[in-house]
Amino acid sequence: MPAVIYQQPKSAMQSGKAKTDTWVLEFERSEALRADPLMGWAGSGDTQAQVRLNFPTKDAAKAYAE
């Protein structure tokens, strides 16, 4: 399953570099979102898209992904 590894970006609301030293691993969607006809909510059966893992280093994230 394809995954994306990136460094946490700095928030526009902060001037410091706190919480920007972590690396994030997110899985790509395997199926498109579909709209519920009654409520109009967007839904999917893909639960991997909800997973977001944080790692202290890029190498740790790559090792987990492999």
PDB file of N, CA and C in Angstrom:
ATOM      1  N   MET A   1       0.848  -1.169   0.000  1.00  0.00           N
ATOM      2  CA  MET A   1       0.000   0.000   0.000  1.00  0.00           C
ATOM      3  C   MET A   1       0.901   1.243   0.000  1.00  0.00           C
ATOM      4  N   PRO A   2       0.686   2.154  -0.917  1.00  0.00           N
ATOM      5  CA  PRO A   2       1.526   3.365  -0.999  1.00  0.00           C
ATOM      6  C   PRO A   2       1.355   4.254   0.236  1.00  0.00           C
ATOM      7  N   ALA A   3       2.464   4.833   0.648  1.00  0.00           N
ATOM      8  CA  ALA A   3       2.452   5.730   1.801  1.00  0.00           C
ATOM      9  C   ALA A   3       3.272   6.972   1.477  1.00  0.00           C
ATOM     10  N   VAL A   4       2.983   8.045   2.198  1.00  0.00           N
ATOM     11  CA  VAL A   4       3.700   9.308   2.031  1.00  0.00           C
ATOM     12  C   VAL A   4       4.395   9.628   3.352  1.00  0.00           C
ATOM     13  N   ILE A   5       5.688   9.963   3.268  1.00  0.00           N
ATOM     14  CA  ILE A   5       6.453  10.372   4.445  1.00  0.00           C
ATOM     15  C   ILE A   5       6.860  11.822   4.242  1.00  0.00           C
ATOM     16  N   TYR A   6       6.542  12.667   5.216  1.00  0.00           N
ATOM     17  CA  TYR A   6       6.906  14.080   5.114  1.00  0.00           C
ATOM     18  C   TYR A   6       7.191  14.634   6.504  1.00  0.00           C
ATOM     19  N   GLN A   7       7.884  15.766   6.533  1.00  0.00           N
ATOM     20  CA  GLN A   7       8.177  16.412   7.807  1.00  0.00           C
ATOM     21  C   GLN A   7       7.033  17.352   8.168  1.00  0.00           C
ATOM     22  N   GLN A   8       6.684  17.350   9.434  1.00  0.00           N
ATOM     23  CA  GLN A   8       5.582  18.179   9.915  1.00  0.00           C
ATOM     24  C   GLN A   8       5.858  19.648   9.589  1.00  0.00           C
ATOM     25  N   PRO A   9       4.977  20.329   8.863  1.00  0.00           N
ATOM     26  CA  PRO A   9       5.217  21.741   8.539  1.00  0.00           C
ATOM     27  C   PRO A   9       4.961  22.648   9.739  1.00  0.00           C
ATOM     28  N   LYS A  10       5.564  23.805   9.707  1.00  0.00           N
ATOM     29  CA  LYS A  10       5.362  24.791  10.768  1.00  0.00           C
ATOM     30  C   LYS A  10       4.007  25.468  10.563  1.00  0.00           C
ATOM     31  N   SER A  11       3.277  25.624  11.631  1.00  0.00           N
ATOM     32  CA  SER A  11       1.978  26.277  11.562  1.00  0.00           C
ATOM     33  C   SER A  11       2.152  27.765  11.279  1.00  0.00           C
ATOM     34  N   ALA A  12       1.227  28.347  10.555  1.00  0.00           N
ATOM     35  CA  ALA A  12       1.278  29.779  10.274  1.00  0.00           C
ATOM     36  C   ALA A  12       1.006  30.604  11.529  1.00  0.00           C
ATOM     37  N   MET A  13       0.460  29.971  12.551  1.00  0.00           N
ATOM     38  CA  MET A  13       0.114  30.677  13.781  1.00  0.00           C
ATOM     39  C   MET A  13       1.229  30.650  14.821  1.00  0.00           C
ATOM     40  N   GLN A  14       2.364  30.054  14.493  1.00  0.00           N
ATOM     41  CA  GLN A  14       3.456  30.000  15.458  1.00  0.00           C
ATOM     42  C   GLN A  14       4.724  30.573  14.849  1.00  0.00           C
ATOM     43  N   SER A  15       5.552  31.142  15.678  1.00  0.00           N
ATOM     44  CA  SER A  15       6.806  31.696  15.185  1.00  0.00           C
ATOM     45  C   SER A  15       7.984  30.800  15.523  1.00  0.00           C
ATOM     46  N   GLY A  16       7.813  29.908  16.491  1.00  0.00           N
ATOM     47  CA  GLY A  16       8.891  29.010  16.895  1.00  0.00           C
ATOM     48  C   GLY A  16       8.914  27.751  16.052  1.00  0.00           C
ATOM     49  N   LYS A  17       9.813  26.853  16.401  1.00  0.00           N
ATOM     50  CA  LYS A  17       9.953  25.604  15.659  1.00  0.00           C
ATOM     51  C   LYS A  17       9.506  24.402  16.479  1.00  0.00           C
ATOM     52  N   ALA A  18       8.666  24.620  17.479  1.00  0.00           N
ATOM     53  CA  ALA A  18       8.167  23.521  18.293  1.00  0.00           C
ATOM     54  C   ALA A  18       7.264  22.626  17.450  1.00  0.00           C
ATOM     55  N   LYS A  19       7.328  21.357  17.693  1.00  0.00           N
ATOM     56  CA  LYS A  19       6.505  20.339  17.028  1.00  0.00           C
ATOM     57  C   LYS A  19       6.763  20.251  15.528  1.00  0.00           C
ATOM     58  N   THR A  20       7.913  20.679  15.056  1.00  0.00           N
ATOM     59  CA  THR A  20       8.229  20.568  13.629  1.00  0.00           C
ATOM     60  C   THR A  20       9.350  19.569  13.387  1.00  0.00           C
ATOM     61  N   ASP A  21       9.798  18.887  14.438  1.00  0.00           N
ATOM     62  CA  ASP A  21      10.905  17.953  14.274  1.00  0.00           C
ATOM     63  C   ASP A  21      10.444  16.516  14.078  1.00  0.00           C
ATOM     64  N   THR A  22       9.142  16.290  13.930  1.00  0.00           N
ATOM     65  CA  THR A  22       8.634  14.938  13.736  1.00  0.00           C
ATOM     66  C   THR A  22       8.382  14.664  12.261  1.00  0.00           C
ATOM     67  N   TRP A  23       8.454  13.397  11.905  1.00  0.00           N
ATOM     68  CA  TRP A  23       8.164  12.943  10.550  1.00  0.00           C
ATOM     69  C   TRP A  23       6.841  12.191  10.583  1.00  0.00           C
ATOM     70  N   VAL A  24       6.020  12.395   9.570  1.00  0.00           N
ATOM     71  CA  VAL A  24       4.673  11.841   9.525  1.00  0.00           C
ATOM     72  C   VAL A  24       4.576  10.837   8.382  1.00  0.00           C
ATOM     73  N   LEU A  25       3.945   9.697   8.662  1.00  0.00           N
ATOM     74  CA  LEU A  25       3.674   8.691   7.640  1.00  0.00           C
ATOM     75  C   LEU A  25       2.164   8.585   7.489  1.00  0.00           C
ATOM     76  N   GLU A  26       1.672   8.824   6.279  1.00  0.00           N
ATOM     77  CA  GLU A  26       0.245   8.695   5.979  1.00  0.00           C
ATOM     78  C   GLU A  26       0.080   7.777   4.779  1.00  0.00           C
ATOM     79  N   PHE A  27      -0.934   6.941   4.819  1.00  0.00           N
ATOM     80  CA  PHE A  27      -1.225   6.053   3.702  1.00  0.00           C
ATOM     81  C   PHE A  27      -2.132   6.762   2.705  1.00  0.00           C
ATOM     82  N   GLU A  28      -1.917   6.490   1.422  1.00  0.00           N
ATOM     83  CA  GLU A  28      -2.758   7.084   0.381  1.00  0.00           C
ATOM     84  C   GLU A  28      -4.083   6.340   0.312  1.00  0.00           C
ATOM     85  N   ARG A  29      -5.093   7.030  -0.169  1.00  0.00           N
ATOM     86  CA  ARG A  29      -6.419   6.416  -0.290  1.00  0.00           C
ATOM     87  C   ARG A  29      -6.404   5.326  -1.357  1.00  0.00           C
ATOM     88  N   SER A  30      -7.055   4.202  -1.045  1.00  0.00           N
ATOM     89  CA  SER A  30      -7.150   3.121  -2.020  1.00  0.00           C
ATOM     90  C   SER A  30      -8.469   3.187  -2.794  1.00  0.00           C
ATOM     91  N   GLU A  31      -9.406   3.970  -2.290  1.00  0.00           N
ATOM     92  CA  GLU A  31     -10.665   4.164  -3.011  1.00  0.00           C
ATOM     93  C   GLU A  31     -11.139   5.601  -2.811  1.00  0.00           C
ATOM     94  N   ALA A  32     -11.922   6.070  -3.737  1.00  0.00           N
ATOM     95  CA  ALA A  32     -12.394   7.458  -3.700  1.00  0.00           C
ATOM     96  C   ALA A  32     -13.499   7.632  -2.658  1.00  0.00           C
ATOM     97  N   LEU A  33     -13.656   8.863  -2.202  1.00  0.00           N
ATOM     98  CA  LEU A  33     -14.757   9.183  -1.298  1.00  0.00           C
ATOM     99  C   LEU A  33     -16.067   9.165  -2.078  1.00  0.00           C
ATOM    100  N   ARG A  34     -17.121   8.759  -1.417  1.00  0.00           N
ATOM    101  CA  ARG A  34     -18.435   8.779  -2.066  1.00  0.00           C
ATOM    102  C   ARG A  34     -19.418   9.512  -1.155  1.00  0.00           C
ATOM    103  N   ALA A  35     -20.307  10.242  -1.767  1.00  0.00           N
ATOM    104  CA  ALA A  35     -21.270  11.049  -1.010  1.00  0.00           C
ATOM    105  C   ALA A  35     -22.470  10.200  -0.613  1.00  0.00           C
ATOM    106  N   ASP A  36     -22.896  10.347   0.627  1.00  0.00           N
ATOM    107  CA  ASP A  36     -24.095   9.678   1.104  1.00  0.00           C
ATOM    108  C   ASP A  36     -25.302  10.415   0.520  1.00  0.00           C
ATOM    109  N   PRO A  37     -26.237   9.726  -0.139  1.00  0.00           N
ATOM    110  CA  PRO A  37     -27.345  10.428  -0.786  1.00  0.00           C
ATOM    111  C   PRO A  37     -28.307  11.109   0.193  1.00  0.00           C
ATOM    112  N   LEU A  38     -28.445  10.588   1.395  1.00  0.00           N
ATOM    113  CA  LEU A  38     -29.389  11.159   2.348  1.00  0.00           C
ATOM    114  C   LEU A  38     -28.806  12.367   3.084  1.00  0.00           C
ATOM    115  N   MET A  39     -27.622  12.205   3.670  1.00  0.00           N
ATOM    116  CA  MET A  39     -27.033  13.259   4.499  1.00  0.00           C
ATOM    117  C   MET A  39     -26.032  14.129   3.748  1.00  0.00           C
ATOM    118  N   GLY A  40     -25.489  13.626   2.651  1.00  0.00           N
ATOM    119  CA  GLY A  40     -24.506  14.390   1.905  1.00  0.00           C
ATOM    120  C   GLY A  40     -23.095  14.283   2.466  1.00  0.00           C
ATOM    121  N   TRP A  41     -22.894  13.398   3.448  1.00  0.00           N
ATOM    122  CA  TRP A  41     -21.571  13.212   4.029  1.00  0.00           C
ATOM    123  C   TRP A  41     -20.680  12.461   3.059  1.00  0.00           C
ATOM    124  N   ALA A  42     -19.396  12.691   3.149  1.00  0.00           N
ATOM    125  CA  ALA A  42     -18.430  11.946   2.342  1.00  0.00           C
ATOM    126  C   ALA A  42     -17.949  10.759   3.164  1.00  0.00           C
ATOM    127  N   GLY A  43     -17.969   9.585   2.564  1.00  0.00           N
ATOM    128  CA  GLY A  43     -17.559   8.383   3.283  1.00  0.00           C
ATOM    129  C   GLY A  43     -16.757   7.456   2.401  1.00  0.00           C
ATOM    130  N   SER A  44     -16.133   6.490   3.052  1.00  0.00           N
ATOM    131  CA  SER A  44     -15.307   5.528   2.343  1.00  0.00           C
ATOM    132  C   SER A  44     -15.126   4.309   3.235  1.00  0.00           C
ATOM    133  N   GLY A  45     -14.864   3.179   2.629  1.00  0.00           N
ATOM    134  CA  GLY A  45     -14.580   1.965   3.384  1.00  0.00           C
ATOM    135  C   GLY A  45     -13.103   1.803   3.667  1.00  0.00           C
ATOM    136  N   ASP A  46     -12.311   2.767   3.242  1.00  0.00           N
ATOM    137  CA  ASP A  46     -10.859   2.709   3.391  1.00  0.00           C
ATOM    138  C   ASP A  46     -10.457   3.255   4.757  1.00  0.00           C
ATOM    139  N   THR A  47     -10.118   2.366   5.693  1.00  0.00           N
ATOM    140  CA  THR A  47      -9.735   2.815   7.031  1.00  0.00           C
ATOM    141  C   THR A  47      -8.260   3.186   7.122  1.00  0.00           C
ATOM    142  N   GLN A  48      -7.431   2.756   6.182  1.00  0.00           N
ATOM    143  CA  GLN A  48      -6.006   3.095   6.209  1.00  0.00           C
ATOM    144  C   GLN A  48      -5.782   4.589   6.010  1.00  0.00           C
ATOM    145  N   ALA A  49      -6.698   5.267   5.329  1.00  0.00           N
ATOM    146  CA  ALA A  49      -6.545   6.702   5.085  1.00  0.00           C
ATOM    147  C   ALA A  49      -6.662   7.508   6.380  1.00  0.00           C
ATOM    148  N   GLN A  50      -7.204   6.908   7.431  1.00  0.00           N
ATOM    149  CA  GLN A  50      -7.351   7.594   8.712  1.00  0.00           C
ATOM    150  C   GLN A  50      -6.105   7.479   9.580  1.00  0.00           C
ATOM    151  N   VAL A  51      -5.175   6.606   9.197  1.00  0.00           N
ATOM    152  CA  VAL A  51      -3.982   6.358  10.007  1.00  0.00           C
ATOM    153  C   VAL A  51      -2.933   7.433   9.736  1.00  0.00           C
ATOM    154  N   ARG A  52      -2.429   8.029  10.818  1.00  0.00           N
ATOM    155  CA  ARG A  52      -1.368   9.033  10.726  1.00  0.00           C
ATOM    156  C   ARG A  52      -0.372   8.735  11.840  1.00  0.00           C
ATOM    157  N   LEU A  53       0.831   8.313  11.460  1.00  0.00           N
ATOM    158  CA  LEU A  53       1.844   7.911  12.429  1.00  0.00           C
ATOM    159  C   LEU A  53       2.959   8.940  12.480  1.00  0.00           C
ATOM    160  N   ASN A  54       3.427   9.262  13.686  1.00  0.00           N
ATOM    161  CA  ASN A  54       4.524  10.210  13.879  1.00  0.00           C
ATOM    162  C   ASN A  54       5.786   9.460  14.283  1.00  0.00           C
ATOM    163  N   PHE A  55       6.930   9.889  13.734  1.00  0.00           N
ATOM    164  CA  PHE A  55       8.218   9.275  14.021  1.00  0.00           C
ATOM    165  C   PHE A  55       9.239  10.362  14.317  1.00  0.00           C
ATOM    166  N   PRO A  56      10.242  10.055  15.149  1.00  0.00           N
ATOM    167  CA  PRO A  56      11.256  11.066  15.470  1.00  0.00           C
ATOM    168  C   PRO A  56      12.236  11.327  14.332  1.00  0.00           C
ATOM    169  N   THR A  57      12.464  10.320  13.471  1.00  0.00           N
ATOM    170  CA  THR A  57      13.410  10.486  12.364  1.00  0.00           C
ATOM    171  C   THR A  57      12.809   9.952  11.074  1.00  0.00           C
ATOM    172  N   LYS A  58      13.359  10.401   9.961  1.00  0.00           N
ATOM    173  CA  LYS A  58      12.913   9.929   8.653  1.00  0.00           C
ATOM    174  C   LYS A  58      13.257   8.456   8.469  1.00  0.00           C
ATOM    175  N   ASP A  59      14.422   8.051   8.979  1.00  0.00           N
ATOM    176  CA  ASP A  59      14.835   6.652   8.863  1.00  0.00           C
ATOM    177  C   ASP A  59      13.887   5.720   9.612  1.00  0.00           C
ATOM    178  N   ALA A  60      13.386   6.146  10.753  1.00  0.00           N
ATOM    179  CA  ALA A  60      12.438   5.334  11.510  1.00  0.00           C
ATOM    180  C   ALA A  60      11.131   5.180  10.740  1.00  0.00           C
ATOM    181  N   ALA A  61      10.688   6.233  10.095  1.00  0.00           N
ATOM    182  CA  ALA A  61       9.455   6.171   9.299  1.00  0.00           C
ATOM    183  C   ALA A  61       9.638   5.253   8.096  1.00  0.00           C
ATOM    184  N   LYS A  62      10.805   5.344   7.443  1.00  0.00           N
ATOM    185  CA  LYS A  62      11.078   4.479   6.293  1.00  0.00           C
ATOM    186  C   LYS A  62      11.169   3.018   6.711  1.00  0.00           C
ATOM    187  N   ALA A  63      11.788   2.756   7.853  1.00  0.00           N
ATOM    188  CA  ALA A  63      11.911   1.381   8.342  1.00  0.00           C
ATOM    189  C   ALA A  63      10.534   0.790   8.653  1.00  0.00           C
ATOM    190  N   TYR A  64       9.641   1.583   9.215  1.00  0.00           N
ATOM    191  CA  TYR A  64       8.289   1.108   9.508  1.00  0.00           C
ATOM    192  C   TYR A  64       7.519   0.839   8.213  1.00  0.00           C
ATOM    193  N   ALA A  65       7.692   1.710   7.230  1.00  0.00           N
ATOM    194  CA  ALA A  65       6.953   1.568   5.971  1.00  0.00           C
ATOM    195  C   ALA A  65       7.393   0.333   5.187  1.00  0.00           C
ATOM    196  N   GLU A  66       8.646  -0.029   5.327  1.00  0.00           N
ATOM    197  CA  GLU A  66       9.140  -1.210   4.600  1.00  0.00           C
ATOM    198  C   GLU A  66       8.697  -2.451   5.318  1.00  0.00           C
TER     199      GLU A  66
END
